[in-house]
Amino acid sequence: MNTELNFLTSLFRGNAQSGRGFGVTLRLLKRAGRPFLLLPREPRAAVGTLALYAPQSAHAKAARAVLLWAIGLRLPWLGETICFEMLPEAPFVRFLSSLHGAATAPPRFGILAGNPASPGQRFLLLCCNAEGEPVAVVKAALTQRGHELIQHEQSLLSAIAGKFKGVPAIIGTFRCAEILAFAISFFAGNSPRKFDQEQLRSLLNSWVDTQRTVPLSEMPDWLKLEQVCAAHPGFQGLAQRVRSQRVHPCLEHGDFTPWNIKISEGVCTVLDWERGELTGMPGWDWFHYALQTAILVKRQPTLALANQAEALLAADSFNTYATRCGFAGFARELLLSYLFNVVEIIKPSEGGIQTRELLTELAQRWQIGSA
């Protein structure tokens, strides 16, 4: 088997002793030459696995639609068939089987593989019942950095589930020497569309903790910025103006984008809380949703991004939110701090250059510091 698929051995055989196993056949689709999706043969389970992938560009949406059409008609479709053996006594296999209430039966699943170039690569596994219906999604990691991200998300979800709208509950956890994982229920639905924006605004407003105020200088994300940008004159000039300001903290997702949100029958569920903070920065999720969509999906140039940022700050709905959070008088500075966080701490593999250019443009336009 291709070495890029060694994770299959780690997950489904582990340290279990050799013995009679289950043969598994999946259809492998690659992106940029690397494993991306592994789809089961059953059409219903394959369609469910594709729901783990939320394309945003027109090209990606079209490709996904064609694949769904081919699966639905049971036509031949792209990709290569891979076969491997899964040992039923492997601990992780037993965990997957338990999620659909059949601990002795082989689990049915599909996989969305994370970025193999990242030291924190994670895998999303869709688990199905005997009828091929999706029942759970498992997020798993095999590396130390991946374990750290899984542990942070698991701890946060355990602390906030049931207390905030839009937050999924953990239904199972798994830990062994190599694998750290947790499971949530499968959520159907689509990424937000234009007519869903009011629902998203309502959700972000519901995450504001109006019962307390905290100085920016004491918030976890701000403390990281102060440390990383200690020698950055642009950020220090900005920080000097606002670090003592008090705001209402928010539950912060950290990667609040359309592809991390599912809406079904009016119910909104936000997934992937790896960057989440309970005492989070107000406004940052709102900025992230608007600007990262414009950068990564719409591919807008810098001047258009800057104009969109200014239009966002002028919008009535945003100003109502800013007043609720307590930063109405320094929204520009807060937006710049968000951009510093993306550029200097998150350092995304895509959109980083455009974000830095936007930071430079707005800092010069507003004369509040420079990137």
Foldseek 3Di string as FASTA:
>chain_A
DPPLPCVCCCQFPNPPDDDDFDKAKWFFDDDPPHTFKTAGLQLLLRLLSCQLFADFAPVVVVVSVVVNVCSVVVHDDDGDMDMDTGHLPDVNQQVLCPQQPHSRDGWDWMKGWADPVDQQTKIWIFTADPVSHTWKIKIKTFHPNVQLLQVQVLVVLCVCPPPAAQEFHWDAWDDDPGMTMTMTTDDDAHFDDPVCVVVVLVRQLRFWDLPDKDFQLPFPLSVVLCVLCVVAFQLVLLCVVGRRFIWGFGFDQLQQERSQWGADPRGIHGHDSSVTDSRHDPPLNVLNHVQVCCCVHVVDAQVVSLVVVVVQLVDPSVLVSCVSTVNNPPVLSSSLSSLSCCQRPVNDPPRNVSSLSNSQVSCVVVVRGHD
